Amino acid sequence: MKREIINNINILAKENEPFLFVINYDGDDAYIRRLKDIDPKECLYDFEGISNVVLDDGYKHPLPSAIRWDIDAPAYENYERSFNIVKSNMLAGNSYLANLTCRVPVDCNLSLDDIFAHSKGKYRLLLRGDRNRGRRFVCFSPESFLRISHGRIYSYPMKGTIDASIPNARQELMNDTKEAAEHATIVDLIRNDLSRVATDVRVGRYRYVDTLHTNKGDILQTSSEISGLLPDDYRQHLGEIIDAQLPAGSITGAPKKKTVEIIREAERYDRGFYTGVMGIFNDGELNSAVMIRFVEQDENGMAFKAGGGITAKSCCRKEYEEVLQKIYLPI
C-alpha cells in the first residue's frame, strides 16, 4: 500500500477511533473515514450488522416484478487466451495457483442503490463516488479477509465452488482433487502471510462448507480458518499488518509476487477496487472482507467483475463456466 494509506490507518487505530477503510487491489487508492464522519449519501455499509443504514420509508424501493439481469459474457476465445497465459506459466514452473478474473458488462433494471438495499451478504458496501476513478460500485461479499479479536488475528480464505443443485454437490466438492489442491495451497499461503505479523499461527478449521443464496440458485463454497497471536502494540501498526497481507492470497495465487505479474499480463484490465479489501476497526476489533461479488458503474455502464482459481489441473471450459456461475445477485 501507499505509505500515506498505511499511516492514516495507523493514526486512526492508535487513537481508538472507529473507522471504515476501503482499499483498492493495487493498494494505491483508498476511501478511509471515521464512522461518525461518513455521509450516507456518499457511502452505505453493513458489516454483519454494523451499519449506517437507516431503515426509513425511502431506503428500500420495491423491486420491479421481473429483474432484468442479462450478462454480456466474454467470448470463450478471449477467456481461453488469458487462461493459456496462466497455464503456460504454470507449466514453466512460475506459478502453481492463480486467480484469473474478468470484467463482464451486464444489463440490469436495478440501480446500485437497489442492489445494495435488497442484496444479502455478510459484507455489503455501496460507494457513490467518482465513476471515472472506479469509486462507484456495490459489493456484497461473502468472504472474510482479516478479523482481529482479543489480540488474535484470523483469516478465512474461500476457495472451491459448486452449484448446490448438482446431485451430491457437497460430496462432489469435497472429493474434487483440483479444488482440494487449490484450497490447500491457499491455506499454506495465508499461514505464511500471517506468520509475517503474528506468532502461534495455526489452522483452526479446514475446508468447511457454506451455502450462498443467489438469484440463480444456491452455491456451495469451502473456507478455512487460520489464526495467529499479534504483539501487544498491534494497534500502532495496523496499517503495516494489513499491508503485509495484501493483495489477498485467495484472489492472487502462489507464489504471490510472481503470480500477480502473471495475472496482470493475462487479464489486461484494471481490477480497480474489485478484489481489494474493506473493513471496520472499532475498539481493538477488526472485521474486514475481500471485495468479491462486485458490481461497478462507469461511463460505459454497469459491469460485474468475477473470477476463479486456476491450477495445472484446471480445465478451461469448466473454469469459464464457473466464472459465469458467479455473476449473480444475492436477491
Protein backbone atom coordinates (compact mmCIF):
# COMPACT_ATOMS: atom_id res chain seq x y z
CA MET A 1 0.00 0.00 0.00
CA LYS A 2 0.99 3.62 -0.35
CA ARG A 3 2.70 4.93 2.78
CA GLU A 4 0.03 7.61 3.14
CA ILE A 5 -2.70 4.96 3.42
CA ILE A 6 -0.71 2.92 5.96
CA ASN A 7 -0.06 6.00 8.11
CA ASN A 8 -3.71 7.04 8.01
CA ILE A 9 -4.81 3.61 9.28
CA ASN A 10 -2.13 3.61 11.99
CA ILE A 11 -3.20 7.02 13.31
CA LEU A 12 -6.89 6.19 13.50
CA ALA A 13 -6.27 2.78 15.11
CA LYS A 14 -3.87 4.26 17.69
CA GLU A 15 -6.47 6.93 18.54
CA ASN A 16 -9.01 4.13 19.02
CA GLU A 17 -11.30 5.99 16.62
CA PRO A 18 -13.88 3.70 14.92
CA PHE A 19 -13.30 3.92 11.17
CA LEU A 20 -14.04 2.33 7.81
CA PHE A 21 -11.39 1.59 5.19
CA VAL A 22 -11.85 0.57 1.56
CA ILE A 23 -8.59 -0.18 -0.29
CA ASN A 24 -8.26 -0.97 -3.99
CA TYR A 25 -6.49 -4.03 -5.38
CA ASP A 26 -3.25 -2.20 -6.19
CA GLY A 27 -3.15 -0.53 -2.77
CA ASP A 28 -2.70 2.94 -4.23
CA ASP A 29 -6.23 4.32 -3.69
CA ALA A 30 -8.40 4.19 -0.58
CA TYR A 31 -11.56 5.55 0.98
CA ILE A 32 -10.93 5.94 4.74
CA ARG A 33 -13.34 7.70 7.06
CA ARG A 34 -14.19 7.85 10.74
CA LEU A 35 -17.58 6.21 11.12
CA LYS A 36 -19.03 9.40 12.60
CA ASP A 37 -17.91 11.37 9.51
CA ILE A 38 -19.40 9.11 6.82
CA ASP A 39 -22.17 10.77 4.83
CA PRO A 40 -24.81 8.13 3.92
CA LYS A 41 -25.29 9.97 0.63
CA GLU A 42 -21.69 9.07 -0.17
CA CYS A 43 -21.31 5.62 1.39
CA LEU A 44 -23.53 2.93 2.90
CA TYR A 45 -22.14 -0.11 4.70
CA ASP A 46 -23.41 -3.14 6.56
CA PHE A 47 -20.79 -5.48 8.02
CA GLU A 48 -22.66 -8.27 9.80
CA GLY A 49 -24.99 -5.76 11.46
CA ILE A 50 -22.53 -2.89 11.96
CA SER A 51 -24.18 -0.41 9.64
CA ASN A 52 -25.07 3.19 8.88
CA VAL A 53 -28.25 2.19 7.06
CA VAL A 54 -31.41 3.92 8.32
CA LEU A 55 -34.47 1.83 7.57
CA ASP A 56 -36.83 4.64 6.65
CA ASP A 57 -39.55 4.64 4.01
CA GLY A 58 -37.23 5.84 1.27
CA TYR A 59 -34.44 3.31 1.80
CA LYS A 60 -35.82 0.20 0.15
CA HIS A 61 -37.84 0.83 -3.01
CA PRO A 62 -39.97 -2.09 -4.23
CA LEU A 63 -38.28 -4.23 -6.85
CA PRO A 64 -39.74 -4.47 -10.35
CA SER A 65 -41.95 -7.50 -10.93
CA ALA A 66 -39.18 -9.04 -13.04
CA ILE A 67 -35.49 -8.36 -12.54
CA ARG A 68 -33.60 -7.96 -15.80
CA TRP A 69 -30.15 -9.47 -15.45
CA ASP A 70 -28.57 -10.02 -18.85
CA ILE A 71 -24.82 -10.60 -18.98
CA ASP A 72 -22.62 -9.93 -21.98
CA ALA A 73 -20.45 -12.98 -21.41
CA PRO A 74 -16.83 -12.70 -22.54
CA ALA A 75 -16.09 -14.62 -25.72
CA TYR A 76 -14.78 -18.03 -24.80
CA GLU A 77 -11.81 -17.50 -27.12
CA ASN A 78 -10.80 -14.37 -25.19
CA TYR A 79 -11.04 -16.15 -21.86
CA GLU A 80 -9.10 -19.07 -23.28
CA ARG A 81 -6.32 -16.72 -24.39
CA SER A 82 -5.95 -15.41 -20.84
CA PHE A 83 -6.25 -18.91 -19.40
CA ASN A 84 -3.45 -20.15 -21.66
CA ILE A 85 -1.11 -17.39 -20.47
CA VAL A 86 -1.66 -18.56 -16.91
CA LYS A 87 -1.41 -22.25 -17.78
CA SER A 88 1.82 -21.85 -19.77
CA ASN A 89 3.41 -20.09 -16.79
CA MET A 90 2.36 -22.97 -14.57
CA LEU A 91 3.91 -25.50 -16.94
CA ALA A 92 7.09 -23.39 -16.81
CA GLY A 93 7.06 -23.59 -13.01
CA ASN A 94 6.38 -19.87 -12.45
CA SER A 95 3.12 -20.37 -10.54
CA TYR A 96 1.06 -23.21 -9.14
CA LEU A 97 -2.14 -21.31 -8.36
CA ALA A 98 -3.53 -18.14 -9.96
CA ASN A 99 -6.83 -16.30 -9.65
CA LEU A 100 -7.93 -15.25 -13.13
CA THR A 101 -10.68 -12.61 -13.32
CA CYS A 102 -12.54 -10.59 -15.94
CA ARG A 103 -14.92 -7.66 -16.33
CA VAL A 104 -18.37 -8.66 -17.63
CA PRO A 105 -20.86 -5.99 -18.80
CA VAL A 106 -24.41 -6.51 -17.50
CA ASP A 107 -27.77 -5.04 -18.44
CA CYS A 108 -29.89 -4.64 -15.32
CA ASN A 109 -33.03 -2.66 -14.49
CA LEU A 110 -31.84 -2.08 -10.90
CA SER A 111 -29.70 0.80 -9.69
CA LEU A 112 -26.66 0.30 -7.45
CA ASP A 113 -28.83 1.59 -4.60
CA ASP A 114 -31.48 -1.05 -5.36
CA ILE A 115 -28.87 -3.80 -5.44
CA PHE A 116 -27.40 -2.70 -2.11
CA ALA A 117 -30.79 -2.36 -0.43
CA HIS A 118 -32.11 -5.76 -1.49
CA SER A 119 -28.98 -7.91 -1.68
CA LYS A 120 -27.96 -10.31 1.05
CA GLY A 121 -24.36 -10.72 2.14
CA LYS A 122 -22.10 -10.85 5.19
CA TYR A 123 -20.40 -7.65 4.00
CA ARG A 124 -22.19 -5.03 1.92
CA LEU A 125 -20.85 -1.71 0.72
CA LEU A 126 -22.19 1.00 -1.58
CA LEU A 127 -19.81 3.74 -2.67
CA ARG A 128 -21.29 6.55 -4.76
CA GLY A 129 -18.04 8.28 -5.66
CA ASP A 130 -16.36 9.30 -8.91
CA ARG A 131 -17.13 6.74 -11.60
CA ASN A 132 -14.00 7.81 -13.51
CA ARG A 133 -11.86 6.66 -10.57
CA GLY A 134 -13.67 3.35 -10.14
CA ARG A 135 -15.31 4.61 -6.98
CA ARG A 136 -18.94 3.96 -7.89
CA PHE A 137 -19.79 0.37 -7.04
CA VAL A 138 -21.71 -2.01 -4.81
CA CYS A 139 -20.15 -5.07 -3.19
CA PHE A 140 -21.93 -7.92 -1.40
CA SER A 141 -19.04 -10.11 -0.34
CA PRO A 142 -19.34 -13.46 1.45
CA GLU A 143 -15.57 -13.69 2.06
CA SER A 144 -13.97 -12.51 5.28
CA PHE A 145 -10.47 -11.10 4.95
CA LEU A 146 -8.97 -10.40 8.38
CA ARG A 147 -10.52 -10.37 11.82
CA ILE A 148 -8.81 -9.20 14.99
CA SER A 149 -10.33 -10.16 18.32
CA HIS A 150 -8.70 -10.17 21.77
CA GLY A 151 -5.26 -9.69 20.25
CA ARG A 152 -5.55 -12.60 17.82
CA ILE A 153 -5.70 -12.22 14.03
CA TYR A 154 -7.85 -14.52 11.87
CA SER A 155 -8.07 -15.12 8.12
CA TYR A 156 -10.77 -17.07 6.26
CA PRO A 157 -9.70 -17.86 2.68
CA MET A 158 -12.55 -19.06 0.47
CA LYS A 159 -11.68 -21.47 -2.34
CA GLY A 160 -13.86 -24.06 -4.06
CA THR A 161 -17.31 -23.57 -5.60
CA ILE A 162 -20.09 -25.82 -6.89
CA ASP A 163 -23.73 -25.47 -7.91
CA ALA A 164 -25.73 -26.70 -4.92
CA SER A 165 -28.39 -28.23 -7.19
CA ILE A 166 -25.96 -30.83 -8.56
CA PRO A 167 -26.70 -34.28 -7.09
CA ASN A 168 -24.44 -34.95 -4.07
CA ALA A 169 -22.98 -31.46 -4.53
CA ARG A 170 -21.29 -31.29 -1.13
CA GLN A 171 -19.59 -34.65 -1.62
CA GLU A 172 -18.61 -33.76 -5.19
CA LEU A 173 -17.00 -30.53 -3.98
CA MET A 174 -15.10 -32.18 -1.13
CA ASN A 175 -13.88 -35.03 -3.37
CA ASP A 176 -12.74 -32.75 -6.23
CA THR A 177 -8.94 -33.15 -6.30
CA LYS A 178 -8.38 -29.89 -8.16
CA GLU A 179 -10.45 -27.92 -5.64
CA ALA A 180 -8.76 -29.69 -2.72
CA ALA A 181 -5.29 -28.89 -4.05
CA GLU A 182 -6.24 -25.27 -4.69
CA HIS A 183 -7.61 -24.89 -1.17
CA ALA A 184 -4.53 -26.47 0.42
CA THR A 185 -2.28 -24.10 -1.50
CA ILE A 186 -4.17 -21.02 -0.32
CA VAL A 187 -4.21 -22.17 3.30
CA ASP A 188 -0.43 -22.62 3.17
CA LEU A 189 -0.01 -19.18 1.59
CA ILE A 190 -2.17 -17.49 4.23
CA ARG A 191 -0.27 -19.25 7.02
CA ASN A 192 2.93 -17.77 5.63
CA ASP A 193 1.37 -14.30 5.30
CA LEU A 194 0.10 -14.32 8.88
CA SER A 195 3.50 -15.52 10.13
CA ARG A 196 4.92 -12.20 8.95
CA VAL A 197 2.94 -10.31 11.61
CA ALA A 198 1.92 -12.93 14.22
CA THR A 199 3.14 -15.89 16.24
CA ASP A 200 1.43 -19.18 17.13
CA VAL A 201 -0.10 -19.42 13.64
CA ARG A 202 -2.49 -22.36 13.35
CA VAL A 203 -5.35 -23.76 11.24
CA GLY A 204 -8.47 -23.88 13.42
CA ARG A 205 -10.96 -25.21 10.84
CA TYR A 206 -10.16 -26.71 7.45
CA ARG A 207 -12.42 -26.81 4.36
CA TYR A 208 -15.80 -26.19 5.94
CA VAL A 209 -18.75 -25.61 3.60
CA ASP A 210 -21.00 -22.54 3.40
CA THR A 211 -24.19 -22.17 1.36
CA LEU A 212 -24.66 -18.92 -0.59
CA HIS A 213 -28.11 -17.88 -1.86
CA THR A 214 -28.29 -16.18 -5.27
CA ASN A 215 -30.84 -15.09 -7.83
CA LYS A 216 -29.72 -18.08 -9.93
CA GLY A 217 -29.92 -20.68 -7.14
CA ASP A 218 -27.71 -21.76 -4.25
CA ILE A 219 -23.99 -22.43 -4.50
CA LEU A 220 -21.63 -24.14 -2.05
CA GLN A 221 -18.19 -22.77 -1.20
CA THR A 222 -15.40 -24.06 1.03
CA SER A 223 -13.39 -21.96 3.50
CA SER A 224 -10.79 -22.46 6.24
CA GLU A 225 -9.87 -20.54 9.41
CA ILE A 226 -6.23 -19.64 10.13
CA SER A 227 -5.19 -17.51 13.11
CA GLY A 228 -2.15 -16.11 14.94
CA LEU A 229 -1.24 -14.06 18.01
CA LEU A 230 -0.44 -10.37 17.47
CA PRO A 231 2.07 -8.33 19.51
CA ASP A 232 0.64 -6.12 22.25
CA ASP A 233 1.25 -2.90 20.28
CA TYR A 234 -0.56 -4.06 17.13
CA ARG A 235 -2.89 -1.02 17.04
CA GLN A 236 0.04 1.30 16.34
CA HIS A 237 0.98 -0.86 13.35
CA LEU A 238 -2.41 -1.89 11.99
CA GLY A 239 -1.58 -0.35 8.61
CA GLU A 240 1.55 -2.48 8.27
CA ILE A 241 -0.34 -5.59 9.43
CA ILE A 242 -2.96 -5.14 6.72
CA ASP A 243 -0.33 -4.24 4.13
CA ALA A 244 1.61 -7.45 4.86
CA GLN A 245 -1.43 -9.49 3.82
CA LEU A 246 -2.10 -7.63 0.55
CA PRO A 247 -3.10 -8.38 -2.06
CA ALA A 248 -5.20 -11.14 -0.51
CA GLY A 249 -3.91 -14.62 -1.29
CA SER A 250 -7.30 -16.01 -2.29
CA ILE A 251 -7.61 -13.55 -5.19
CA THR A 252 -3.99 -13.69 -6.39
CA GLY A 253 -2.23 -17.04 -6.03
CA ALA A 254 1.10 -18.61 -5.20
CA PRO A 255 3.87 -17.70 -5.17
CA LYS A 256 2.16 -14.38 -4.72
CA LYS A 257 4.63 -11.87 -6.20
CA LYS A 258 5.23 -13.72 -9.47
CA THR A 259 1.59 -14.74 -9.80
CA VAL A 260 0.47 -11.11 -9.50
CA GLU A 261 2.69 -10.33 -12.51
CA ILE A 262 1.24 -13.24 -14.47
CA ILE A 263 -2.41 -12.39 -13.88
CA ARG A 264 -1.76 -8.74 -14.72
CA GLU A 265 -0.47 -9.88 -18.12
CA ALA A 266 -3.32 -12.34 -18.60
CA GLU A 267 -6.25 -10.15 -17.52
CA ARG A 268 -5.39 -6.95 -19.39
CA TYR A 269 -7.86 -4.78 -17.47
CA ASP A 270 -7.81 -2.71 -14.29
CA ARG A 271 -9.36 -4.52 -11.32
CA GLY A 272 -9.81 -1.20 -9.52
CA PHE A 273 -11.46 -1.73 -6.14
CA TYR A 274 -12.58 -5.23 -7.11
CA THR A 275 -10.60 -7.82 -5.07
CA GLY A 276 -9.37 -5.04 -2.80
CA VAL A 277 -10.36 -5.10 0.87
CA MET A 278 -12.82 -3.25 3.09
CA GLY A 279 -13.17 -3.26 6.85
CA ILE A 280 -14.19 -1.60 10.10
CA PHE A 281 -11.87 -1.16 13.09
CA ASN A 282 -13.52 -0.42 16.41
CA ASP A 283 -12.11 -0.66 19.95
CA GLY A 284 -9.29 -3.02 19.01
CA GLU A 285 -11.55 -5.27 16.94
CA LEU A 286 -11.25 -5.62 13.16
CA ASN A 287 -13.81 -7.10 10.79
CA SER A 288 -12.93 -6.98 7.10
CA ALA A 289 -13.71 -8.61 3.77
CA VAL A 290 -12.26 -9.28 0.35
CA MET A 291 -14.25 -7.31 -2.22
CA ILE A 292 -15.63 -10.07 -4.41
CA ARG A 293 -19.21 -10.21 -5.78
CA PHE A 294 -18.81 -6.74 -7.17
CA VAL A 295 -20.92 -4.55 -9.49
CA GLU A 296 -19.33 -1.38 -10.84
CA GLN A 297 -20.79 1.53 -12.78
CA ASP A 298 -18.69 3.77 -15.01
CA GLU A 299 -19.07 5.80 -18.18
CA ASN A 300 -19.53 2.54 -20.14
CA GLY A 301 -22.39 1.30 -17.98
CA MET A 302 -22.71 -1.46 -15.40
CA ALA A 303 -20.31 -4.40 -15.12
CA PHE A 304 -19.78 -7.38 -12.84
CA LYS A 305 -16.22 -8.46 -12.07
CA ALA A 306 -15.68 -12.15 -11.36
CA GLY A 307 -13.03 -14.86 -11.47
CA GLY A 308 -11.75 -18.15 -10.15
CA GLY A 309 -8.65 -20.11 -9.23
CA ILE A 310 -6.54 -21.83 -11.89
CA THR A 311 -4.18 -24.76 -11.24
CA ALA A 312 -2.21 -27.08 -13.51
CA LYS A 313 -5.19 -29.46 -13.37
CA SER A 314 -7.74 -26.85 -14.45
CA CYS A 315 -9.98 -27.33 -17.46
CA CYS A 316 -10.51 -24.07 -19.37
CA ARG A 317 -14.16 -24.74 -20.22
CA LYS A 318 -15.00 -25.65 -16.62
CA GLU A 319 -13.27 -22.53 -15.26
CA TYR A 320 -15.05 -20.34 -17.80
CA GLU A 321 -18.42 -21.76 -16.73
CA GLU A 322 -17.54 -21.24 -13.06
CA VAL A 323 -16.89 -17.55 -13.72
CA LEU A 324 -20.31 -17.19 -15.35
CA GLN A 325 -21.89 -19.01 -12.40
CA LYS A 326 -20.50 -16.38 -10.03
CA ILE A 327 -22.17 -13.48 -11.90
CA TYR A 328 -25.29 -13.21 -9.78
CA LEU A 329 -27.28 -11.00 -7.45
CA PRO A 330 -27.98 -12.36 -3.94
CA ILE A 331 -31.60 -11.21 -4.05
